[in-house]
Amino acid sequence: PPGDLFLLRSPNYFTKRQKSPAGDYLLSPSGMDWLKSQSKLDNVLSRPDNRMAQALRQAQAQGKSLKSFIFAVNLQVPGKEHHSAVFYFSTDEPITSGSLLSRFIEGDDAFRNQRFKLVNRIVKGPWIVKKAVGNYSACLLGKALTCNYHRGPNYFEIDVDIGSSAIANAILRLALGYVTSVTIDMGFVVEAQSEEELPERLIGAVRVCQMEMSAATVVDAPNAPRGNKVNHLS
């Protein structure tokens, strides 16, 4: 979705409480995976079968994209079968040293939990979903949910455990009941908490349109024996 659909903290937010259109993303959208497994999928970019990590390794082996960096958000959906919606953003240029995004990636978990923010808007959906989720809402995910952060040599992944909050889990269950009729925009932000960090910038955003639960690709559980490999679905 266009960045300007999201309103973020403007340069004078702390004096006038004004928000302004977000503008361009900091990173480029690179793809999405909708995965299903017998157990929760953590640190998916470390998996040898992850297609984004594979593409990056191949490019680097050929001398291309040596500076490339992947930023991933893995929304872990609990249930009898575990699902993960993984959103990938990337850059071919080094992330600016000292920037808020750089400080977030290099910082400790306490700093990250205070800053990682989701902004969303329901583009299409029943009124009950808009009421439960909030048509225009923002949430510090690191405060509301358990987030695990994984730093690799050329990637950073945030695993968001939706099952860690009873309220979030209940809202998710409601939304999943209408998932085939819901379109939602989700933007990811490092929250600015001082004037010198303004204006806020979108790390990236995604639009999920009327998703089918059954469309998930089946992957091995992380510790599954190699002889019991699960077939991948197209």
Protein backbone atom coordinates (compact mmCIF):
# COMPACT_ATOMS: atom_id res chain seq x y z
CA PRO A 1 0.00 0.00 0.00
CA PRO A 2 1.18 3.60 -0.54
CA GLY A 3 3.00 4.90 2.50
CA ASP A 4 0.89 8.05 2.55
CA LEU A 5 -2.13 5.98 3.61
CA PHE A 6 -0.50 5.77 7.06
CA LEU A 7 -0.32 8.75 9.40
CA LEU A 8 2.81 8.82 11.55
CA ARG A 9 4.34 11.25 14.01
CA SER A 10 5.36 14.46 12.22
CA PRO A 11 8.39 16.71 12.97
CA ASN A 12 6.28 18.77 15.44
CA TYR A 13 4.45 15.84 17.03
CA PHE A 14 5.68 16.52 20.57
CA THR A 15 4.61 20.19 20.47
CA LYS A 16 1.41 20.04 18.39
CA ARG A 17 0.55 16.31 18.41
CA GLN A 18 0.32 16.38 14.63
CA LYS A 19 0.69 13.36 12.40
CA SER A 20 1.48 13.41 8.69
CA PRO A 21 1.46 10.97 5.73
CA ALA A 22 4.33 8.49 6.11
CA GLY A 23 5.80 8.79 2.61
CA ASP A 24 8.21 6.23 1.17
CA TYR A 25 9.25 3.07 3.00
CA LEU A 26 12.77 2.80 4.42
CA LEU A 27 13.10 -0.72 2.95
CA SER A 28 11.71 -2.36 -0.19
CA PRO A 29 8.97 -5.01 0.05
CA SER A 30 10.47 -8.32 -1.08
CA GLY A 31 7.79 -10.95 -0.50
CA MET A 32 5.52 -12.81 1.88
CA ASP A 33 5.29 -16.41 3.03
CA TRP A 34 2.17 -18.04 4.50
CA LEU A 35 3.47 -21.15 6.24
CA LYS A 36 2.01 -24.04 8.23
CA SER A 37 3.82 -26.49 10.50
CA GLN A 38 3.19 -28.92 13.35
CA SER A 39 5.06 -26.62 15.72
CA LYS A 40 5.78 -22.91 16.00
CA LEU A 41 8.18 -21.61 13.38
CA ASP A 42 10.92 -19.46 14.93
CA ASN A 43 13.78 -17.69 13.14
CA VAL A 44 12.58 -18.75 9.68
CA LEU A 45 15.43 -16.90 7.93
CA SER A 46 17.90 -19.33 9.52
CA ARG A 47 16.15 -22.32 7.90
CA PRO A 48 17.97 -23.84 4.91
CA ASP A 49 14.67 -24.10 3.03
CA ASN A 50 13.72 -20.42 3.42
CA ARG A 51 13.40 -19.02 -0.10
CA MET A 52 14.45 -15.45 0.77
CA ALA A 53 17.60 -16.62 2.53
CA GLN A 54 18.34 -19.00 -0.36
CA ALA A 55 18.02 -16.19 -2.91
CA LEU A 56 20.33 -13.97 -0.87
CA ARG A 57 22.94 -16.71 -0.50
CA GLN A 58 22.86 -17.42 -4.25
CA ALA A 59 23.25 -13.74 -5.11
CA GLN A 60 26.15 -13.36 -2.70
CA ALA A 61 27.86 -16.50 -4.03
CA GLN A 62 27.76 -14.88 -7.49
CA GLY A 63 29.30 -11.70 -6.15
CA LYS A 64 26.02 -9.77 -6.24
CA SER A 65 24.13 -8.12 -3.40
CA LEU A 66 27.07 -8.33 -1.00
CA LYS A 67 25.59 -5.50 1.07
CA SER A 68 22.00 -6.75 0.93
CA PHE A 69 20.07 -6.97 4.18
CA ILE A 70 16.70 -8.58 4.89
CA PHE A 71 14.28 -7.40 7.58
CA ALA A 72 11.48 -9.88 8.35
CA VAL A 73 8.38 -9.79 10.55
CA ASN A 74 7.02 -13.25 11.41
CA LEU A 75 3.47 -13.13 12.81
CA GLN A 76 3.01 -16.48 14.56
CA VAL A 77 -0.62 -17.65 14.59
CA PRO A 78 -1.31 -20.32 17.24
CA GLY A 79 -3.65 -23.27 16.77
CA LYS A 80 -3.85 -27.02 16.33
CA GLU A 81 -1.59 -26.36 13.36
CA HIS A 82 0.79 -23.42 13.66
CA HIS A 83 0.75 -20.78 10.95
CA SER A 84 3.22 -18.01 10.22
CA ALA A 85 2.67 -14.95 8.05
CA VAL A 86 6.19 -13.75 7.25
CA PHE A 87 6.75 -10.37 5.59
CA TYR A 88 10.13 -9.58 4.06
CA PHE A 89 11.69 -6.19 3.36
CA SER A 90 15.18 -5.60 2.05
CA THR A 91 17.82 -3.10 1.02
CA ASP A 92 20.90 -3.29 -1.18
CA GLU A 93 22.51 -0.40 0.68
CA PRO A 94 23.90 -0.42 4.23
CA ILE A 95 21.40 0.81 6.82
CA THR A 96 22.49 4.28 7.90
CA SER A 97 24.66 4.02 10.98
CA GLY A 98 23.18 5.84 13.97
CA SER A 99 19.70 6.01 12.43
CA LEU A 100 16.72 4.96 14.53
CA LEU A 101 16.34 1.77 12.45
CA SER A 102 20.04 0.96 12.92
CA ARG A 103 19.78 1.54 16.68
CA PHE A 104 16.74 -0.74 16.77
CA ILE A 105 18.51 -3.57 14.92
CA GLU A 106 21.70 -3.26 16.96
CA GLY A 107 20.01 -2.52 20.29
CA ASP A 108 18.95 -4.80 23.12
CA ASP A 109 15.54 -6.44 23.50
CA ALA A 110 14.38 -3.96 26.14
CA PHE A 111 14.91 -1.07 23.70
CA ARG A 112 13.25 -3.00 20.88
CA ASN A 113 10.19 -3.90 22.98
CA GLN A 114 9.64 -0.20 23.75
CA ARG A 115 9.83 0.79 20.08
CA PHE A 116 8.43 -1.83 17.68
CA LYS A 117 5.07 -0.53 16.51
CA LEU A 118 2.36 -1.86 14.21
CA VAL A 119 0.03 0.59 12.48
CA ASN A 120 -2.95 -0.87 10.66
CA ARG A 121 -6.06 0.09 8.74
CA ILE A 122 -8.95 -2.12 7.69
CA VAL A 123 -9.40 -1.52 3.95
CA LYS A 124 -12.34 -3.88 3.63
CA GLY A 125 -14.20 -5.99 6.14
CA PRO A 126 -17.32 -6.45 8.30
CA TRP A 127 -18.05 -3.82 10.93
CA ILE A 128 -17.42 -6.32 13.74
CA VAL A 129 -13.79 -6.76 12.60
CA LYS A 130 -13.30 -3.00 12.25
CA LYS A 131 -14.70 -2.57 15.75
CA ALA A 132 -12.48 -5.27 17.28
CA VAL A 133 -9.24 -4.47 15.45
CA GLY A 134 -9.70 -0.73 15.09
CA ASN A 135 -9.96 0.82 11.65
CA TYR A 136 -6.95 3.09 12.24
CA SER A 137 -4.93 1.88 15.17
CA ALA A 138 -1.38 1.61 16.43
CA CYS A 139 0.12 -0.86 18.89
CA LEU A 140 3.55 -1.28 20.44
CA LEU A 141 3.85 -4.98 19.71
CA GLY A 142 6.83 -5.48 21.99
CA LYS A 143 4.75 -4.30 24.97
CA ALA A 144 1.54 -6.14 24.09
CA LEU A 145 2.98 -9.45 22.88
CA THR A 146 6.07 -11.60 23.29
CA CYS A 147 8.52 -10.70 20.53
CA ASN A 148 11.71 -12.65 19.89
CA TYR A 149 14.46 -10.99 17.89
CA HIS A 150 16.97 -12.83 15.71
CA ARG A 151 20.05 -11.09 14.33
CA GLY A 152 21.92 -12.86 11.55
CA PRO A 153 24.94 -11.70 9.53
CA ASN A 154 22.71 -10.20 6.84
CA TYR A 155 19.23 -10.27 8.32
CA PHE A 156 17.05 -9.25 11.24
CA GLU A 157 13.86 -11.13 12.10
CA ILE A 158 11.12 -10.34 14.61
CA ASP A 159 8.95 -13.28 15.67
CA VAL A 160 5.66 -12.00 17.11
CA ASP A 161 3.87 -14.61 19.24
CA ILE A 162 0.19 -13.70 18.94
CA GLY A 163 -0.70 -16.53 21.33
CA SER A 164 1.16 -14.75 24.15
CA SER A 165 -1.80 -12.41 24.72
CA ALA A 166 -5.28 -13.70 25.48
CA ILE A 167 -6.83 -10.47 24.13
CA ALA A 168 -4.82 -10.53 20.90
CA ASN A 169 -5.60 -14.22 20.48
CA ALA A 170 -9.34 -13.57 20.89
CA ILE A 171 -9.28 -10.71 18.37
CA LEU A 172 -7.31 -12.87 15.95
CA ARG A 173 -9.79 -15.74 16.28
CA LEU A 174 -12.60 -13.30 15.48
CA ALA A 175 -10.73 -11.88 12.48
CA LEU A 176 -9.84 -15.34 11.15
CA GLY A 177 -13.54 -16.17 11.09
CA TYR A 178 -13.95 -13.43 8.48
CA VAL A 179 -10.47 -13.67 6.92
CA THR A 180 -11.69 -14.40 3.40
CA SER A 181 -13.64 -11.11 3.38
CA VAL A 182 -11.05 -8.90 5.09
CA THR A 183 -8.37 -6.72 3.49
CA ILE A 184 -5.97 -5.11 5.94
CA ASP A 185 -2.96 -2.80 5.60
CA MET A 186 -0.18 -3.27 8.14
CA GLY A 187 2.78 -0.95 8.54
CA PHE A 188 5.84 -1.52 10.72
CA VAL A 189 7.53 1.38 12.50
CA VAL A 190 10.26 2.06 15.03
CA GLU A 191 8.48 4.52 17.32
CA ALA A 192 10.06 7.94 17.70
CA GLN A 193 10.17 9.00 21.36
CA SER A 194 12.17 12.24 21.12
CA GLU A 195 12.20 15.26 18.81
CA GLU A 196 15.52 14.35 17.20
CA GLU A 197 14.02 10.99 16.12
CA LEU A 198 11.15 12.65 14.24
CA PRO A 199 9.55 12.33 11.76
CA GLU A 200 8.63 8.66 12.03
CA ARG A 201 9.28 6.54 8.97
CA LEU A 202 7.70 3.29 7.81
CA ILE A 203 10.13 0.38 7.74
CA GLY A 204 7.67 -1.11 5.27
CA ALA A 205 4.03 -2.08 4.89
CA VAL A 206 1.90 -4.86 3.44
CA ARG A 207 -1.67 -5.30 2.26
CA VAL A 208 -3.18 -8.73 2.98
CA CYS A 209 -6.24 -9.33 0.82
CA GLN A 210 -8.89 -11.92 1.67
CA MET A 211 -6.41 -14.61 2.65
CA GLU A 212 -7.24 -18.31 2.45
CA MET A 213 -6.10 -20.32 5.47
CA SER A 214 -5.80 -23.42 3.26
CA ALA A 215 -3.29 -21.68 0.96
CA ALA A 216 -0.46 -22.08 3.50
CA THR A 217 2.70 -23.89 2.40
CA VAL A 218 3.48 -26.87 4.63
CA VAL A 219 7.03 -26.93 6.00
CA ASP A 220 8.88 -29.29 8.28
CA ALA A 221 8.72 -28.74 11.99
CA PRO A 222 12.13 -27.34 13.05
CA ASN A 223 13.30 -30.61 14.63
CA ALA A 224 11.56 -33.09 12.32
CA PRO A 225 13.69 -36.13 11.40
CA ARG A 226 14.96 -35.91 7.83
CA GLY A 227 13.38 -39.23 6.95
CA ASN A 228 9.92 -37.85 7.72
CA LYS A 229 10.03 -34.90 5.38
CA VAL A 230 6.72 -33.16 4.81
CA ASN A 231 5.83 -32.50 1.21
CA HIS A 232 5.71 -28.87 0.18
CA LEU A 233 2.45 -27.64 -1.27
CA SER A 234 2.38 -25.48 -4.37
